[in-house]
Amino acid sequence: MRLWLLRHGEAEARAPSDELRELTATGRTEVLRSALQLKDAKLQLILASPYVRAQQTATLVQQRLGWPGESRSVSWATPDGEPERALAELARLEVEELLLVTHNPFVGELAGWLLHGHRQAPVAMGTASLLCLEAPLPLAGGFDLVSRFHG
């Protein structure tokens, strides 16, 4: 499995709720830079948090790549998501390569858990940071870091 993890771009500081925060102009630019790193990826699926800024990020990636594939909103990819549940959900998908667009602190905790098998070493992820992880089987601690890009 090849898993790309993308944190959403910079979002506005205030909105009626955290779920409704939108990307700023800077955030859109960051995302478009990160999306270029995916130009040779063989994505089969894009998953994104239902929060507005993550949905906007996923849409920008699709547009930049001209990617006609499937994109899904997943309720478990929010800022307070649980790495264990995420891995179980990802393993069920039976896809070889996918992109997950999500948030801190979840994305850093998930990356650390996939790489190290524990939560004591989360991976620092700035806005629009993109990681590529790879594993023969989707197991905690079984992934290797292939690449890292900071948008």
N, C-alpha and C. Protein backbone atom coordinates (compact mmCIF):
# COMPACT_ATOMS: atom_id res chain seq x y z
N MET A 1 0.84 -1.18 0.00
CA MET A 1 0.00 0.00 0.00
C MET A 1 0.89 1.24 0.00
N ARG A 2 0.54 2.17 -0.84
CA ARG A 2 1.20 3.48 -0.85
C ARG A 2 0.15 4.48 -0.38
N LEU A 3 0.45 5.14 0.73
CA LEU A 3 -0.47 6.09 1.35
C LEU A 3 0.15 7.47 1.36
N TRP A 4 -0.54 8.40 0.73
CA TRP A 4 -0.14 9.80 0.76
C TRP A 4 -0.97 10.49 1.82
N LEU A 5 -0.33 11.20 2.72
CA LEU A 5 -1.01 11.96 3.77
C LEU A 5 -0.78 13.44 3.52
N LEU A 6 -1.87 14.18 3.39
CA LEU A 6 -1.79 15.61 3.12
C LEU A 6 -2.58 16.37 4.18
N ARG A 7 -1.90 17.27 4.85
CA ARG A 7 -2.61 18.17 5.76
C ARG A 7 -3.18 19.31 4.91
N HIS A 8 -4.37 19.74 5.23
CA HIS A 8 -5.00 20.84 4.50
C HIS A 8 -4.11 22.08 4.50
N GLY A 9 -4.36 22.99 3.58
CA GLY A 9 -3.63 24.25 3.53
C GLY A 9 -4.05 25.19 4.65
N GLU A 10 -3.36 26.31 4.74
CA GLU A 10 -3.67 27.32 5.76
C GLU A 10 -5.16 27.69 5.69
N ALA A 11 -5.78 27.74 6.86
CA ALA A 11 -7.21 28.05 6.94
C ALA A 11 -7.42 29.35 7.70
N GLU A 12 -8.58 29.96 7.45
CA GLU A 12 -8.91 31.18 8.16
C GLU A 12 -8.97 30.91 9.66
N ALA A 13 -8.64 31.92 10.44
CA ALA A 13 -8.57 31.76 11.89
C ALA A 13 -9.94 31.65 12.54
N ARG A 14 -10.92 32.28 11.94
CA ARG A 14 -12.25 32.31 12.56
C ARG A 14 -13.33 31.90 11.57
N ALA A 15 -14.33 31.23 12.12
CA ALA A 15 -15.52 30.83 11.38
C ALA A 15 -16.57 30.49 12.43
N PRO A 16 -17.82 30.33 12.03
CA PRO A 16 -18.85 29.97 13.02
C PRO A 16 -18.53 28.69 13.78
N SER A 17 -17.78 27.77 13.17
CA SER A 17 -17.32 26.56 13.85
C SER A 17 -16.03 26.09 13.18
N ASP A 18 -15.29 25.24 13.87
CA ASP A 18 -14.04 24.72 13.31
C ASP A 18 -14.29 23.99 12.00
N GLU A 19 -15.39 23.27 11.92
CA GLU A 19 -15.73 22.50 10.72
C GLU A 19 -15.91 23.38 9.49
N LEU A 20 -16.25 24.66 9.69
CA LEU A 20 -16.57 25.57 8.58
C LEU A 20 -15.42 26.47 8.15
N ARG A 21 -14.27 26.34 8.80
CA ARG A 21 -13.13 27.18 8.41
C ARG A 21 -12.70 26.88 6.99
N GLU A 22 -12.50 27.93 6.19
CA GLU A 22 -12.13 27.78 4.79
C GLU A 22 -10.64 28.06 4.59
N LEU A 23 -10.12 27.60 3.46
CA LEU A 23 -8.74 27.89 3.11
C LEU A 23 -8.57 29.37 2.82
N THR A 24 -7.40 29.90 3.16
CA THR A 24 -7.05 31.27 2.79
C THR A 24 -6.42 31.23 1.39
N ALA A 25 -6.15 32.39 0.84
CA ALA A 25 -5.45 32.45 -0.46
C ALA A 25 -4.08 31.79 -0.34
N THR A 26 -3.39 32.02 0.77
CA THR A 26 -2.09 31.37 1.00
C THR A 26 -2.26 29.86 1.07
N GLY A 27 -3.30 29.42 1.75
CA GLY A 27 -3.56 27.99 1.87
C GLY A 27 -3.80 27.34 0.52
N ARG A 28 -4.52 28.01 -0.35
CA ARG A 28 -4.77 27.47 -1.70
C ARG A 28 -3.46 27.34 -2.48
N THR A 29 -2.61 28.35 -2.37
CA THR A 29 -1.31 28.31 -3.05
C THR A 29 -0.47 27.16 -2.52
N GLU A 30 -0.44 26.98 -1.21
CA GLU A 30 0.31 25.88 -0.60
C GLU A 30 -0.15 24.53 -1.13
N VAL A 31 -1.46 24.36 -1.17
CA VAL A 31 -2.03 23.09 -1.62
C VAL A 31 -1.66 22.81 -3.08
N LEU A 32 -1.73 23.84 -3.91
CA LEU A 32 -1.41 23.65 -5.33
C LEU A 32 0.06 23.24 -5.51
N ARG A 33 0.96 23.79 -4.68
CA ARG A 33 2.38 23.39 -4.72
C ARG A 33 2.53 21.92 -4.31
N SER A 34 1.84 21.55 -3.25
CA SER A 34 1.92 20.16 -2.77
C SER A 34 1.33 19.19 -3.80
N ALA A 35 0.25 19.60 -4.44
CA ALA A 35 -0.41 18.74 -5.42
C ALA A 35 0.53 18.35 -6.56
N LEU A 36 1.44 19.23 -6.91
CA LEU A 36 2.40 18.93 -7.98
C LEU A 36 3.25 17.70 -7.65
N GLN A 37 3.45 17.45 -6.36
CA GLN A 37 4.24 16.29 -5.94
C GLN A 37 3.51 14.98 -6.25
N LEU A 38 2.23 15.08 -6.52
CA LEU A 38 1.41 13.89 -6.78
C LEU A 38 1.23 13.60 -8.27
N LYS A 39 1.90 14.37 -9.11
CA LYS A 39 1.64 14.26 -10.56
C LYS A 39 1.95 12.88 -11.12
N ASP A 40 2.89 12.15 -10.54
CA ASP A 40 3.23 10.81 -11.02
C ASP A 40 2.60 9.70 -10.18
N ALA A 41 1.83 10.07 -9.19
CA ALA A 41 1.17 9.08 -8.33
C ALA A 41 0.09 8.35 -9.13
N LYS A 42 -0.13 7.12 -8.76
CA LYS A 42 -1.17 6.31 -9.41
C LYS A 42 -2.34 6.16 -8.44
N LEU A 43 -2.90 7.31 -8.06
CA LEU A 43 -3.98 7.31 -7.08
C LEU A 43 -5.20 6.56 -7.58
N GLN A 44 -5.77 5.76 -6.68
CA GLN A 44 -7.00 5.06 -6.98
C GLN A 44 -8.18 5.72 -6.26
N LEU A 45 -7.86 6.51 -5.23
CA LEU A 45 -8.91 7.06 -4.39
C LEU A 45 -8.36 8.25 -3.61
N ILE A 46 -9.21 9.24 -3.39
CA ILE A 46 -8.89 10.35 -2.49
C ILE A 46 -9.93 10.34 -1.38
N LEU A 47 -9.45 10.33 -0.15
CA LEU A 47 -10.31 10.41 1.03
C LEU A 47 -10.04 11.74 1.70
N ALA A 48 -11.08 12.38 2.23
CA ALA A 48 -10.89 13.67 2.90
C ALA A 48 -11.84 13.79 4.07
N SER A 49 -11.36 14.48 5.08
CA SER A 49 -12.18 14.86 6.22
C SER A 49 -13.40 15.63 5.70
N PRO A 50 -14.52 15.57 6.40
CA PRO A 50 -15.69 16.33 5.97
C PRO A 50 -15.58 17.84 6.26
N TYR A 51 -14.55 18.27 6.99
CA TYR A 51 -14.40 19.69 7.30
C TYR A 51 -14.15 20.47 6.00
N VAL A 52 -14.67 21.67 5.92
CA VAL A 52 -14.62 22.47 4.70
C VAL A 52 -13.20 22.62 4.16
N ARG A 53 -12.23 22.95 5.00
CA ARG A 53 -10.87 23.19 4.51
C ARG A 53 -10.24 21.93 3.92
N ALA A 54 -10.57 20.77 4.44
CA ALA A 54 -10.05 19.51 3.89
C ALA A 54 -10.74 19.20 2.56
N GLN A 55 -12.04 19.44 2.49
CA GLN A 55 -12.77 19.22 1.24
C GLN A 55 -12.24 20.15 0.14
N GLN A 56 -11.99 21.41 0.51
CA GLN A 56 -11.43 22.37 -0.46
C GLN A 56 -10.04 21.91 -0.92
N THR A 57 -9.24 21.41 0.00
CA THR A 57 -7.91 20.92 -0.33
C THR A 57 -8.00 19.76 -1.31
N ALA A 58 -8.87 18.80 -1.03
CA ALA A 58 -9.03 17.64 -1.93
C ALA A 58 -9.48 18.08 -3.32
N THR A 59 -10.39 19.03 -3.38
CA THR A 59 -10.88 19.54 -4.67
C THR A 59 -9.75 20.21 -5.44
N LEU A 60 -8.94 21.01 -4.76
CA LEU A 60 -7.81 21.67 -5.43
C LEU A 60 -6.82 20.65 -5.98
N VAL A 61 -6.56 19.59 -5.23
CA VAL A 61 -5.65 18.54 -5.69
C VAL A 61 -6.22 17.90 -6.95
N GLN A 62 -7.49 17.55 -6.90
CA GLN A 62 -8.13 16.93 -8.07
C GLN A 62 -8.04 17.84 -9.29
N GLN A 63 -8.31 19.11 -9.10
CA GLN A 63 -8.26 20.06 -10.21
C GLN A 63 -6.85 20.20 -10.76
N ARG A 64 -5.86 20.34 -9.88
CA ARG A 64 -4.48 20.52 -10.29
C ARG A 64 -3.98 19.32 -11.09
N LEU A 65 -4.39 18.12 -10.65
CA LEU A 65 -3.94 16.90 -11.32
C LEU A 65 -4.80 16.55 -12.53
N GLY A 66 -5.97 17.18 -12.65
CA GLY A 66 -6.91 16.78 -13.68
C GLY A 66 -7.37 15.35 -13.44
N TRP A 67 -7.49 15.01 -12.17
CA TRP A 67 -7.77 13.64 -11.75
C TRP A 67 -9.28 13.37 -11.77
N PRO A 68 -9.72 12.41 -12.58
CA PRO A 68 -11.15 12.14 -12.71
C PRO A 68 -11.67 11.08 -11.73
N GLY A 69 -10.80 10.58 -10.88
CA GLY A 69 -11.17 9.46 -10.00
C GLY A 69 -12.12 9.83 -8.89
N GLU A 70 -12.32 8.86 -8.02
CA GLU A 70 -13.29 8.98 -6.93
C GLU A 70 -12.69 9.69 -5.71
N SER A 71 -13.50 10.54 -5.13
CA SER A 71 -13.15 11.22 -3.88
C SER A 71 -14.28 10.96 -2.89
N ARG A 72 -13.91 10.62 -1.66
CA ARG A 72 -14.91 10.35 -0.62
C ARG A 72 -14.64 11.16 0.64
N SER A 73 -15.70 11.56 1.28
CA SER A 73 -15.62 12.19 2.59
C SER A 73 -15.68 11.09 3.64
N VAL A 74 -14.74 11.15 4.63
CA VAL A 74 -14.71 10.12 5.67
C VAL A 74 -14.75 10.78 7.05
N SER A 75 -15.72 10.39 7.84
CA SER A 75 -15.96 11.03 9.14
C SER A 75 -14.85 10.78 10.15
N TRP A 76 -14.05 9.75 9.95
CA TRP A 76 -13.01 9.40 10.93
C TRP A 76 -11.71 10.18 10.75
N ALA A 77 -11.63 11.07 9.75
CA ALA A 77 -10.38 11.79 9.46
C ALA A 77 -10.39 13.23 9.96
N THR A 78 -11.03 13.49 11.07
CA THR A 78 -11.12 14.83 11.66
C THR A 78 -9.92 15.09 12.57
N PRO A 79 -9.77 16.31 13.08
CA PRO A 79 -8.60 16.61 13.92
C PRO A 79 -8.41 15.66 15.11
N ASP A 80 -9.51 15.15 15.65
CA ASP A 80 -9.40 14.26 16.81
C ASP A 80 -9.57 12.79 16.43
N GLY A 81 -9.32 12.46 15.17
CA GLY A 81 -9.43 11.08 14.70
C GLY A 81 -8.47 10.14 15.43
N GLU A 82 -8.76 8.86 15.36
CA GLU A 82 -7.96 7.84 16.03
C GLU A 82 -7.17 7.03 15.00
N PRO A 83 -5.85 6.99 15.12
CA PRO A 83 -5.03 6.24 14.17
C PRO A 83 -5.44 4.78 14.01
N GLU A 84 -5.84 4.13 15.08
CA GLU A 84 -6.23 2.72 15.01
C GLU A 84 -7.44 2.55 14.10
N ARG A 85 -8.43 3.40 14.27
CA ARG A 85 -9.61 3.31 13.41
C ARG A 85 -9.25 3.63 11.96
N ALA A 86 -8.42 4.64 11.76
CA ALA A 86 -8.02 5.01 10.40
C ALA A 86 -7.36 3.83 9.70
N LEU A 87 -6.43 3.16 10.36
CA LEU A 87 -5.74 2.04 9.74
C LEU A 87 -6.72 0.92 9.40
N ALA A 88 -7.65 0.65 10.29
CA ALA A 88 -8.66 -0.38 10.02
C ALA A 88 -9.50 -0.01 8.80
N GLU A 89 -9.88 1.25 8.71
CA GLU A 89 -10.68 1.72 7.57
C GLU A 89 -9.87 1.65 6.27
N LEU A 90 -8.60 2.05 6.32
CA LEU A 90 -7.74 2.02 5.14
C LEU A 90 -7.50 0.59 4.67
N ALA A 91 -7.31 -0.33 5.60
CA ALA A 91 -7.06 -1.73 5.25
C ALA A 91 -8.27 -2.35 4.55
N ARG A 92 -9.47 -1.93 4.92
CA ARG A 92 -10.69 -2.45 4.31
C ARG A 92 -10.85 -2.04 2.84
N LEU A 93 -10.20 -0.96 2.45
CA LEU A 93 -10.39 -0.41 1.11
C LEU A 93 -9.79 -1.27 0.01
N GLU A 94 -8.74 -2.00 0.32
CA GLU A 94 -8.07 -2.86 -0.66
C GLU A 94 -7.66 -2.09 -1.92
N VAL A 95 -7.03 -0.93 -1.72
CA VAL A 95 -6.47 -0.17 -2.83
C VAL A 95 -4.96 -0.11 -2.65
N GLU A 96 -4.26 0.04 -3.74
CA GLU A 96 -2.80 0.06 -3.71
C GLU A 96 -2.24 1.45 -3.41
N GLU A 97 -2.93 2.51 -3.87
CA GLU A 97 -2.40 3.86 -3.69
C GLU A 97 -3.55 4.84 -3.49
N LEU A 98 -3.46 5.61 -2.40
CA LEU A 98 -4.51 6.57 -2.12
C LEU A 98 -3.96 7.79 -1.39
N LEU A 99 -4.76 8.83 -1.41
CA LEU A 99 -4.45 10.09 -0.74
C LEU A 99 -5.47 10.31 0.36
N LEU A 100 -4.99 10.68 1.55
CA LEU A 100 -5.86 11.05 2.66
C LEU A 100 -5.58 12.50 3.01
N VAL A 101 -6.61 13.34 2.94
CA VAL A 101 -6.50 14.76 3.26
C VAL A 101 -7.14 14.96 4.63
N THR A 102 -6.36 15.48 5.57
CA THR A 102 -6.86 15.57 6.93
C THR A 102 -6.19 16.71 7.71
N HIS A 103 -6.14 16.60 9.02
CA HIS A 103 -5.79 17.70 9.93
C HIS A 103 -4.76 17.28 10.97
N ASN A 104 -4.14 18.28 11.59
CA ASN A 104 -3.40 18.09 12.83
C ASN A 104 -4.40 18.11 13.97
N PRO A 105 -4.19 17.44 15.06
CA PRO A 105 -3.03 16.60 15.36
C PRO A 105 -3.14 15.18 14.76
N PHE A 106 -4.31 14.84 14.23
CA PHE A 106 -4.55 13.49 13.73
C PHE A 106 -3.51 13.02 12.71
N VAL A 107 -3.21 13.84 11.70
CA VAL A 107 -2.32 13.39 10.63
C VAL A 107 -0.92 13.07 11.15
N GLY A 108 -0.41 13.88 12.07
CA GLY A 108 0.90 13.61 12.65
C GLY A 108 0.91 12.36 13.51
N GLU A 109 -0.16 12.16 14.28
CA GLU A 109 -0.27 10.96 15.10
C GLU A 109 -0.40 9.72 14.24
N LEU A 110 -1.20 9.81 13.18
CA LEU A 110 -1.37 8.67 12.28
C LEU A 110 -0.04 8.32 11.62
N ALA A 111 0.67 9.30 11.09
CA ALA A 111 1.95 9.04 10.44
C ALA A 111 2.93 8.39 11.42
N GLY A 112 3.04 8.94 12.62
CA GLY A 112 3.93 8.37 13.63
C GLY A 112 3.56 6.94 13.98
N TRP A 113 2.28 6.68 14.09
CA TRP A 113 1.81 5.34 14.45
C TRP A 113 2.11 4.34 13.33
N LEU A 114 1.90 4.77 12.09
CA LEU A 114 2.16 3.88 10.95
C LEU A 114 3.66 3.60 10.79
N LEU A 115 4.49 4.60 11.08
CA LEU A 115 5.94 4.44 10.93
C LEU A 115 6.58 3.71 12.11
N HIS A 116 6.12 4.01 13.33
CA HIS A 116 6.80 3.52 14.53
C HIS A 116 6.01 2.50 15.34
N GLY A 117 4.70 2.41 15.10
CA GLY A 117 3.88 1.46 15.84
C GLY A 117 3.45 1.96 17.21
N HIS A 118 3.67 3.25 17.48
CA HIS A 118 3.23 3.86 18.74
C HIS A 118 2.96 5.34 18.50
N ARG A 119 2.34 5.97 19.49
CA ARG A 119 1.96 7.38 19.36
C ARG A 119 2.95 8.34 20.01
N GLN A 120 4.05 7.86 20.51
CA GLN A 120 5.00 8.72 21.22
C GLN A 120 5.85 9.59 20.29
N ALA A 121 5.79 9.36 18.99
CA ALA A 121 6.62 10.13 18.06
C ALA A 121 5.79 10.60 16.86
N PRO A 122 4.86 11.52 17.09
CA PRO A 122 4.08 12.02 15.95
C PRO A 122 4.99 12.77 14.97
N VAL A 123 4.60 12.77 13.72
CA VAL A 123 5.37 13.44 12.67
C VAL A 123 4.87 14.87 12.56
N ALA A 124 5.79 15.83 12.58
CA ALA A 124 5.41 17.24 12.44
C ALA A 124 4.89 17.48 11.02
N MET A 125 3.71 18.09 10.94
CA MET A 125 3.08 18.35 9.65
C MET A 125 2.58 19.79 9.63
N GLY A 126 3.26 20.64 8.86
CA GLY A 126 2.79 22.00 8.67
C GLY A 126 1.62 22.00 7.69
N THR A 127 1.04 23.17 7.46
CA THR A 127 -0.05 23.23 6.50
C THR A 127 0.44 22.82 5.12
N ALA A 128 -0.37 22.02 4.45
CA ALA A 128 -0.10 21.49 3.11
C ALA A 128 1.12 20.58 3.05
N SER A 129 1.58 20.08 4.20
CA SER A 129 2.67 19.09 4.19
C SER A 129 2.13 17.78 3.63
N LEU A 130 2.99 17.10 2.88
CA LEU A 130 2.61 15.87 2.20
C LEU A 130 3.64 14.79 2.50
N LEU A 131 3.17 13.66 2.97
CA LEU A 131 4.04 12.50 3.22
C LEU A 131 3.61 11.37 2.31
N CYS A 132 4.57 10.58 1.89
CA CYS A 132 4.27 9.35 1.18
C CYS A 132 4.82 8.21 2.03
N LEU A 133 3.94 7.29 2.41
CA LEU A 133 4.31 6.13 3.21
C LEU A 133 4.01 4.87 2.40
N GLU A 134 4.79 3.84 2.64
CA GLU A 134 4.60 2.61 1.89
C GLU A 134 4.77 1.41 2.80
N ALA A 135 3.94 0.38 2.56
CA ALA A 135 4.04 -0.86 3.33
C ALA A 135 3.51 -2.01 2.50
N PRO A 136 4.11 -3.20 2.65
CA PRO A 136 3.58 -4.35 1.93
C PRO A 136 2.18 -4.72 2.44
N LEU A 137 1.97 -4.53 3.74
CA LEU A 137 0.66 -4.76 4.36
C LEU A 137 0.37 -3.58 5.26
N PRO A 138 -0.89 -3.17 5.37
CA PRO A 138 -1.23 -2.01 6.22
C PRO A 138 -1.21 -2.37 7.71
N LEU A 139 -0.02 -2.26 8.31
CA LEU A 139 0.15 -2.58 9.72
C LEU A 139 0.83 -1.43 10.44
N ALA A 140 0.43 -1.18 11.69
CA ALA A 140 1.07 -0.15 12.50
C ALA A 140 2.54 -0.50 12.68
N GLY A 141 3.41 0.47 12.42
CA GLY A 141 4.84 0.25 12.52
C GLY A 141 5.44 -0.42 11.30
N GLY A 142 4.60 -0.78 10.33
CA GLY A 142 5.08 -1.49 9.15
C GLY A 142 5.32 -0.62 7.93
N PHE A 143 5.10 0.69 8.07
CA PHE A 143 5.26 1.60 6.94
C PHE A 143 6.65 2.23 6.94
N ASP A 144 7.12 2.54 5.74
CA ASP A 144 8.37 3.27 5.56
C ASP A 144 8.06 4.64 4.96
N LEU A 145 8.86 5.62 5.32
CA LEU A 145 8.72 6.95 4.74
C LEU A 145 9.41 6.97 3.38
N VAL A 146 8.65 7.28 2.34
CA VAL A 146 9.17 7.34 0.98
C VAL A 146 9.58 8.76 0.63
N SER A 147 8.71 9.72 0.97
CA SER A 147 9.03 11.12 0.66
C SER A 147 8.26 12.03 1.59
N ARG A 148 8.78 13.26 1.66
CA ARG A 148 8.18 14.30 2.51
C ARG A 148 8.31 15.63 1.80
N PHE A 149 7.21 16.39 1.74
CA PHE A 149 7.21 17.69 1.10
C PHE A 149 6.46 18.66 1.99
N HIS A 150 7.04 19.81 2.21
CA HIS A 150 6.37 20.84 3.00
C HIS A 150 5.93 21.94 2.06
N GLY A 151 4.59 22.04 1.88
CA GLY A 151 3.99 23.02 0.97
C GLY A 151 4.29 24.41 1.39
